[in-house]
C-alpha atoms as a PDB file:
ATOM      1  CA  MET A   1       0.000   0.000   0.000  1.00  0.00           C
ATOM      2  CA  PRO A   2       1.490   3.404  -0.959  1.00  0.00           C
ATOM      3  CA  HIS A   3       2.456   5.667   1.862  1.00  0.00           C
ATOM      4  CA  ARG A   4       0.073   8.635   2.244  1.00  0.00           C
ATOM      5  CA  ARG A   5       1.607  11.857   3.318  1.00  0.00           C
ATOM      6  CA  PRO A   6      -0.381  13.321   6.237  1.00  0.00           C
ATOM      7  CA  VAL A   7      -2.016  16.651   5.641  1.00  0.00           C
ATOM      8  CA  SER A   8      -0.400  19.373   7.629  1.00  0.00           C
ATOM      9  CA  ARG A   9      -2.934  21.206   9.746  1.00  0.00           C
ATOM     10  CA  THR A  10      -0.698  24.238   9.629  1.00  0.00           C
ATOM     11  CA  ARG A  11      -0.769  24.217   5.853  1.00  0.00           C
ATOM     12  CA  VAL A  12      -4.568  23.868   5.740  1.00  0.00           C
ATOM     13  CA  ARG A  13      -5.044  26.718   8.166  1.00  0.00           C
ATOM     14  CA  SER A  14      -2.541  28.910   6.375  1.00  0.00           C
ATOM     15  CA  ARG A  15      -4.656  28.842   3.207  1.00  0.00           C
ATOM     16  CA  ARG A  16      -7.666  30.439   4.865  1.00  0.00           C
ATOM     17  CA  PRO A  17      -6.269  33.976   5.208  1.00  0.00           C
ATOM     18  CA  ALA A  18      -5.187  33.835   1.582  1.00  0.00           C
ATOM     19  CA  LEU A  19      -8.652  32.732   0.507  1.00  0.00           C
ATOM     20  CA  ALA A  20     -10.216  35.427   2.657  1.00  0.00           C
ATOM     21  CA  ARG A  21      -7.948  38.045   1.093  1.00  0.00           C
ATOM     22  CA  ALA A  22      -8.833  36.786  -2.386  1.00  0.00           C
ATOM     23  CA  ALA A  23     -12.550  36.905  -1.575  1.00  0.00           C
ATOM     24  CA  GLY A  24     -12.112  40.412  -0.233  1.00  0.00           C
ATOM     25  CA  LEU A  25     -10.377  41.525  -3.388  1.00  0.00           C
ATOM     26  CA  MET A  26     -13.112  39.990  -5.528  1.00  0.00           C
ATOM     27  CA  SER A  27     -15.807  41.682  -3.453  1.00  0.00           C
ATOM     28  CA  GLY A  28     -13.975  44.974  -3.741  1.00  0.00           C
ATOM     29  CA  ALA A  29     -13.689  44.578  -7.501  1.00  0.00           C
ATOM     30  CA  LEU A  30     -17.395  43.816  -7.792  1.00  0.00           C
ATOM     31  CA  ALA A  31     -18.278  46.796  -5.630  1.00  0.00           C
ATOM     32  CA  ALA A  32     -16.055  49.021  -7.734  1.00  0.00           C
ATOM     33  CA  THR A  33     -17.736  47.712 -10.867  1.00  0.00           C
ATOM     34  CA  VAL A  34     -21.153  48.624  -9.491  1.00  0.00           C
ATOM     35  CA  VAL A  35     -19.990  52.105  -8.538  1.00  0.00           C
ATOM     36  CA  LEU A  36     -18.367  52.705 -11.889  1.00  0.00           C
ATOM     37  CA  THR A  37     -21.370  51.390 -13.734  1.00  0.00           C
ATOM     38  CA  GLY A  38     -23.643  53.674 -11.750  1.00  0.00           C
ATOM     39  CA  CYS A  39     -21.475  56.718 -12.455  1.00  0.00           C
ATOM     40  CA  GLY A  40     -21.169  55.824 -16.125  1.00  0.00           C
ATOM     41  CA  SER A  41     -24.835  55.328 -16.747  1.00  0.00           C
ATOM     42  CA  GLY A  42     -25.915  58.281 -14.678  1.00  0.00           C
ATOM     43  CA  SER A  43     -23.589  61.025 -15.795  1.00  0.00           C
ATOM     44  CA  SER A  44     -21.073  59.888 -18.403  1.00  0.00           C
ATOM     45  CA  SER A  45     -22.573  62.167 -21.028  1.00  0.00           C
ATOM     46  CA  GLY A  46     -22.941  65.090 -18.645  1.00  0.00           C
ATOM     47  CA  LYS A  47     -26.630  65.304 -19.544  1.00  0.00           C
ATOM     48  CA  ALA A  48     -28.181  63.780 -16.438  1.00  0.00           C
ATOM     49  CA  THR A  49     -29.916  65.906 -13.808  1.00  0.00           C
ATOM     50  CA  PHE A  50     -30.136  64.729 -10.208  1.00  0.00           C
ATOM     51  CA  THR A  51     -33.031  65.943  -8.094  1.00  0.00           C
ATOM     52  CA  ARG A  52     -34.031  65.084  -4.563  1.00  0.00           C
ATOM     53  CA  ASN A  53     -37.716  64.173  -4.402  1.00  0.00           C
ATOM     54  CA  GLY A  54     -39.074  63.121  -1.031  1.00  0.00           C
ATOM     55  CA  SER A  55     -37.049  60.133   0.135  1.00  0.00           C
ATOM     56  CA  SER A  56     -35.301  59.241  -3.109  1.00  0.00           C
ATOM     57  CA  THR A  57     -32.907  60.798  -5.583  1.00  0.00           C
ATOM     58  CA  ILE A  58     -34.435  60.793  -9.045  1.00  0.00           C
ATOM     59  CA  GLU A  59     -32.058  60.984 -11.997  1.00  0.00           C
ATOM     60  CA  THR A  60     -33.598  62.587 -15.072  1.00  0.00           C
ATOM     61  CA  VAL A  61     -32.414  63.318 -18.588  1.00  0.00           C
ATOM     62  CA  ALA A  62     -33.614  65.918 -21.079  1.00  0.00           C
ATOM     63  CA  LYS A  63     -36.014  64.666 -23.726  1.00  0.00           C
ATOM     64  CA  ALA A  64     -33.591  65.304 -26.594  1.00  0.00           C
ATOM     65  CA  ASP A  65     -30.875  63.230 -24.916  1.00  0.00           C
ATOM     66  CA  ARG A  66     -32.859  60.110 -23.996  1.00  0.00           C
ATOM     67  CA  THR A  67     -32.121  56.646 -25.335  1.00  0.00           C
ATOM     68  CA  ALA A  68     -34.712  54.077 -26.350  1.00  0.00           C
ATOM     69  CA  ALA A  69     -35.677  51.430 -23.838  1.00  0.00           C
ATOM     70  CA  PRO A  70     -35.158  47.848 -25.030  1.00  0.00           C
ATOM     71  CA  ASP A  71     -38.256  46.051 -26.276  1.00  0.00           C
ATOM     72  CA  ILE A  72     -38.220  43.531 -23.476  1.00  0.00           C
ATOM     73  CA  SER A  73     -40.844  40.829 -23.423  1.00  0.00           C
ATOM     74  CA  GLY A  74     -41.450  37.927 -21.095  1.00  0.00           C
ATOM     75  CA  ALA A  75     -43.837  35.967 -18.936  1.00  0.00           C
ATOM     76  CA  ALA A  76     -45.354  37.635 -15.895  1.00  0.00           C
ATOM     77  CA  LEU A  77     -45.724  35.892 -12.542  1.00  0.00           C
ATOM     78  CA  ASP A  78     -49.294  34.947 -13.452  1.00  0.00           C
ATOM     79  CA  GLY A  79     -48.187  33.512 -16.800  1.00  0.00           C
ATOM     80  CA  GLU A  80     -49.380  36.438 -18.911  1.00  0.00           C
ATOM     81  CA  ARG A  81     -47.047  37.542 -21.701  1.00  0.00           C
ATOM     82  CA  VAL A  82     -46.011  41.170 -21.221  1.00  0.00           C
ATOM     83  CA  ARG A  83     -44.196  43.246 -23.840  1.00  0.00           C
ATOM     84  CA  LEU A  84     -42.941  46.761 -23.164  1.00  0.00           C
ATOM     85  CA  ALA A  85     -43.614  47.924 -26.742  1.00  0.00           C
ATOM     86  CA  ASP A  86     -47.331  47.306 -26.229  1.00  0.00           C
ATOM     87  CA  TYR A  87     -47.396  50.294 -23.857  1.00  0.00           C
ATOM     88  CA  ARG A  88     -46.020  52.798 -26.374  1.00  0.00           C
ATOM     89  CA  GLY A  89     -47.959  56.062 -26.066  1.00  0.00           C
ATOM     90  CA  LYS A  90     -48.178  55.718 -22.278  1.00  0.00           C
ATOM     91  CA  VAL A  91     -45.715  56.618 -19.574  1.00  0.00           C
ATOM     92  CA  VAL A  92     -44.328  53.441 -18.015  1.00  0.00           C
ATOM     93  CA  ALA A  93     -42.842  52.866 -14.567  1.00  0.00           C
ATOM     94  CA  ILE A  94     -40.779  49.685 -14.240  1.00  0.00           C
ATOM     95  CA  ASN A  95     -39.983  48.634 -10.682  1.00  0.00           C
ATOM     96  CA  LEU A  96     -37.342  46.000  -9.893  1.00  0.00           C
ATOM     97  CA  TRP A  97     -38.219  44.054  -6.771  1.00  0.00           C
ATOM     98  CA  ALA A  98     -38.033  40.770  -4.876  1.00  0.00           C
ATOM     99  CA  SER A  99     -40.107  39.383  -2.027  1.00  0.00           C
ATOM    100  CA  TRP A 100     -37.003  38.909   0.174  1.00  0.00           C
ATOM    101  CA  CYS A 101     -36.058  42.607  -0.125  1.00  0.00           C
ATOM    102  CA  PRO A 102     -37.285  44.689   2.890  1.00  0.00           C
ATOM    103  CA  PRO A 103     -37.010  48.052   1.053  1.00  0.00           C
ATOM    104  CA  CYS A 104     -39.133  46.579  -1.750  1.00  0.00           C
ATOM    105  CA  ARG A 105     -41.829  45.680   0.727  1.00  0.00           C
ATOM    106  CA  ALA A 106     -41.646  49.154   2.250  1.00  0.00           C
ATOM    107  CA  GLU A 107     -42.035  50.989  -1.080  1.00  0.00           C
ATOM    108  CA  THR A 108     -44.689  48.748  -2.666  1.00  0.00           C
ATOM    109  CA  PRO A 109     -47.726  50.405  -0.989  1.00  0.00           C
ATOM    110  CA  SER A 110     -46.644  53.707  -2.580  1.00  0.00           C
ATOM    111  CA  LEU A 111     -46.292  52.059  -5.979  1.00  0.00           C
ATOM    112  CA  VAL A 112     -49.718  50.454  -5.642  1.00  0.00           C
ATOM    113  CA  LYS A 113     -51.367  53.722  -4.602  1.00  0.00           C
ATOM    114  CA  VAL A 114     -49.843  55.844  -7.365  1.00  0.00           C
ATOM    115  CA  ALA A 115     -50.515  53.122  -9.948  1.00  0.00           C
ATOM    116  CA  ALA A 116     -54.200  53.297  -9.016  1.00  0.00           C
ATOM    117  CA  GLU A 117     -54.191  57.119  -9.148  1.00  0.00           C
ATOM    118  CA  THR A 118     -52.637  57.230 -12.613  1.00  0.00           C
ATOM    119  CA  LYS A 119     -54.365  54.216 -14.135  1.00  0.00           C
ATOM    120  CA  GLY A 120     -55.038  54.827 -17.810  1.00  0.00           C
ATOM    121  CA  ASP A 121     -52.160  57.286 -18.157  1.00  0.00           C
ATOM    122  CA  VAL A 122     -49.287  55.354 -16.605  1.00  0.00           C
ATOM    123  CA  ALA A 123     -48.534  51.653 -16.916  1.00  0.00           C
ATOM    124  CA  PHE A 124     -46.756  50.126 -13.944  1.00  0.00           C
ATOM    125  CA  ILE A 125     -44.795  46.919 -14.550  1.00  0.00           C
ATOM    126  CA  GLY A 126     -42.733  44.996 -12.023  1.00  0.00           C
ATOM    127  CA  LEU A 127     -39.535  43.085 -12.695  1.00  0.00           C
ATOM    128  CA  ASN A 128     -39.374  40.309 -10.112  1.00  0.00           C
ATOM    129  CA  SER A 129     -36.177  38.495  -9.098  1.00  0.00           C
ATOM    130  CA  ASP A 130     -37.602  35.703  -6.938  1.00  0.00           C
ATOM    131  CA  HIS A 131     -36.424  32.224  -7.870  1.00  0.00           C
ATOM    132  CA  GLU A 132     -39.871  30.775  -7.239  1.00  0.00           C
ATOM    133  CA  LYS A 133     -42.964  32.360  -8.775  1.00  0.00           C
ATOM    134  CA  ALA A 134     -44.993  31.384  -5.725  1.00  0.00           C
ATOM    135  CA  GLN A 135     -42.941  33.748  -3.558  1.00  0.00           C
ATOM    136  CA  GLY A 136     -43.618  36.682  -5.845  1.00  0.00           C
ATOM    137  CA  LEU A 137     -47.307  35.872  -6.190  1.00  0.00           C
ATOM    138  CA  LYS A 138     -47.670  35.683  -2.412  1.00  0.00           C
ATOM    139  CA  PHE A 139     -45.986  39.072  -2.065  1.00  0.00           C
ATOM    140  CA  GLU A 140     -48.305  40.618  -4.661  1.00  0.00           C
ATOM    141  CA  LYS A 141     -51.391  39.194  -2.971  1.00  0.00           C
ATOM    142  CA  GLU A 142     -50.354  40.400   0.478  1.00  0.00           C
ATOM    143  CA  LEU A 143     -49.649  43.943  -0.714  1.00  0.00           C
ATOM    144  CA  GLY A 144     -52.469  44.272  -3.232  1.00  0.00           C
ATOM    145  CA  VAL A 145     -50.319  44.617  -6.346  1.00  0.00           C
ATOM    146  CA  ARG A 146     -52.612  44.749  -9.396  1.00  0.00           C
ATOM    147  CA  TYR A 147     -50.126  45.479 -12.172  1.00  0.00           C
ATOM    148  CA  PRO A 148     -48.112  42.685 -13.866  1.00  0.00           C
ATOM    149  CA  SER A 149     -44.566  41.738 -12.996  1.00  0.00           C
ATOM    150  CA  TRP A 150     -42.140  39.960 -15.268  1.00  0.00           C
ATOM    151  CA  HIS A 151     -40.562  36.935 -13.625  1.00  0.00           C
ATOM    152  CA  ASP A 152     -36.827  37.444 -14.086  1.00  0.00           C
ATOM    153  CA  PRO A 153     -34.935  35.265 -11.553  1.00  0.00           C
ATOM    154  CA  ALA A 154     -31.704  35.229 -13.584  1.00  0.00           C
ATOM    155  CA  GLY A 155     -31.790  38.961 -14.322  1.00  0.00           C
ATOM    156  CA  LYS A 156     -31.811  38.405 -18.088  1.00  0.00           C
ATOM    157  CA  LEU A 157     -34.495  40.994 -18.794  1.00  0.00           C
ATOM    158  CA  ALA A 158     -32.818  43.600 -16.607  1.00  0.00           C
ATOM    159  CA  LEU A 159     -29.592  43.106 -18.549  1.00  0.00           C
ATOM    160  CA  HIS A 160     -31.364  44.148 -21.759  1.00  0.00           C
ATOM    161  CA  PHE A 161     -30.992  47.730 -20.539  1.00  0.00           C
ATOM    162  CA  PRO A 162     -27.522  48.662 -21.848  1.00  0.00           C
ATOM    163  CA  LYS A 163     -24.959  50.457 -19.725  1.00  0.00           C
ATOM    164  CA  GLY A 164     -25.096  54.186 -20.252  1.00  0.00           C
ATOM    165  CA  SER A 165     -28.852  54.146 -20.806  1.00  0.00           C
ATOM    166  CA  PHE A 166     -29.996  54.702 -17.206  1.00  0.00           C
ATOM    167  CA  ASN A 167     -29.925  50.944 -16.676  1.00  0.00           C
ATOM    168  CA  PRO A 168     -31.007  49.592 -13.276  1.00  0.00           C
ATOM    169  CA  GLN A 169     -28.236  49.024 -10.725  1.00  0.00           C
ATOM    170  CA  GLY A 170     -29.895  46.864  -8.091  1.00  0.00           C
ATOM    171  CA  ILE A 171     -33.038  46.050  -6.153  1.00  0.00           C
ATOM    172  CA  PRO A 172     -35.096  48.115  -5.660  1.00  0.00           C
ATOM    173  CA  SER A 173     -34.782  50.377  -8.681  1.00  0.00           C
ATOM    174  CA  THR A 174     -37.464  52.157 -10.678  1.00  0.00           C
ATOM    175  CA  LEU A 175     -37.159  53.244 -14.303  1.00  0.00           C
ATOM    176  CA  PHE A 176     -39.490  55.761 -15.953  1.00  0.00           C
ATOM    177  CA  ILE A 177     -40.165  55.407 -19.685  1.00  0.00           C
ATOM    178  CA  ASP A 178     -41.696  58.283 -21.655  1.00  0.00           C
ATOM    179  CA  ARG A 179     -44.516  58.046 -24.190  1.00  0.00           C
ATOM    180  CA  ASP A 180     -41.984  57.532 -27.001  1.00  0.00           C
ATOM    181  CA  GLY A 181     -40.507  54.481 -25.327  1.00  0.00           C
ATOM    182  CA  LYS A 182     -37.353  56.235 -24.121  1.00  0.00           C
ATOM    183  CA  ILE A 183     -35.789  56.071 -20.674  1.00  0.00           C
ATOM    184  CA  ALA A 184     -36.456  59.430 -19.036  1.00  0.00           C
ATOM    185  CA  ALA A 185     -35.632  58.936 -15.362  1.00  0.00           C
ATOM    186  CA  ARG A 186     -34.688  56.412 -12.724  1.00  0.00           C
ATOM    187  CA  ALA A 187     -34.463  55.968  -8.978  1.00  0.00           C
ATOM    188  CA  LEU A 188     -31.818  53.649  -7.541  1.00  0.00           C
ATOM    189  CA  SER A 189     -33.315  53.648  -4.064  1.00  0.00           C
ATOM    190  CA  PRO A 190     -36.762  52.993  -2.585  1.00  0.00           C
ATOM    191  CA  VAL A 191     -39.439  55.422  -3.743  1.00  0.00           C
ATOM    192  CA  GLY A 192     -42.342  56.992  -1.924  1.00  0.00           C
ATOM    193  CA  GLU A 193     -45.592  58.491  -3.209  1.00  0.00           C
ATOM    194  CA  ASP A 194     -44.090  61.970  -3.596  1.00  0.00           C
ATOM    195  CA  ASP A 195     -41.089  60.580  -5.472  1.00  0.00           C
ATOM    196  CA  LEU A 196     -43.336  58.816  -7.950  1.00  0.00           C
ATOM    197  CA  ARG A 197     -45.637  61.780  -8.492  1.00  0.00           C
ATOM    198  CA  GLU A 198     -42.709  64.156  -9.012  1.00  0.00           C
ATOM    199  CA  ALA A 199     -41.071  61.796 -11.510  1.00  0.00           C
ATOM    200  CA  LEU A 200     -44.287  61.132 -13.442  1.00  0.00           C
ATOM    201  CA  LYS A 201     -45.730  64.655 -13.537  1.00  0.00           C
ATOM    202  CA  PRO A 202     -43.382  66.125 -16.186  1.00  0.00           C
ATOM    203  CA  LEU A 203     -43.565  62.975 -18.307  1.00  0.00           C
ATOM    204  CA  LEU A 204     -47.359  63.063 -18.323  1.00  0.00           C
ATOM    205  CA  ALA A 205     -47.203  66.702 -19.417  1.00  0.00           C
ATOM    206  CA  GLU A 206     -45.038  65.850 -22.416  1.00  0.00           C
ATOM    207  CA  LYS A 207     -46.497  65.084 -25.797  1.00  0.00           C
ATOM    208  CA  SER A 208     -45.178  62.339 -28.061  1.00  0.00           C
END
């Protein structure tokens, strides 16, 4: 029988700090990527305007400088097929959320209320990241969400928004699409009723 060299406990333990340092470097790199992405998509062209509305900072861009939103399409939590292009001519608010996200739960009553107030003029659509549809459906039922939500557990639909186009940066995020299907504003933090009304008011006043 071949002789097996015993594993040195010292050697095993000595690898852990190195692994921890490597993990820390990776986490730092990922964090830096998020920060850089946020700066690039928010102000790389120098055309973005940042305004403080209620509890959230809303980033807006002048109508002439907006980029078209991607024509994303996919199945909603209830199985319905939802396509963004079908809402052309209306202002659209797209909210990224997940049932396990406390800030999402906190902001949802405001989204539900303003969606009801602006029904017919504004289309609210969710973009849900739960792995299981049942979790998202339970969340919607508990909080009275009436508008559809795409089921996007892998984040594939969210990635359709290219960098530099006011793409979402995390959960929760809310994007505001104008009547021409262009990205007009976004919030990268939880929104309240006042935030939503202030973001939607100028878009509703615009004409296609």
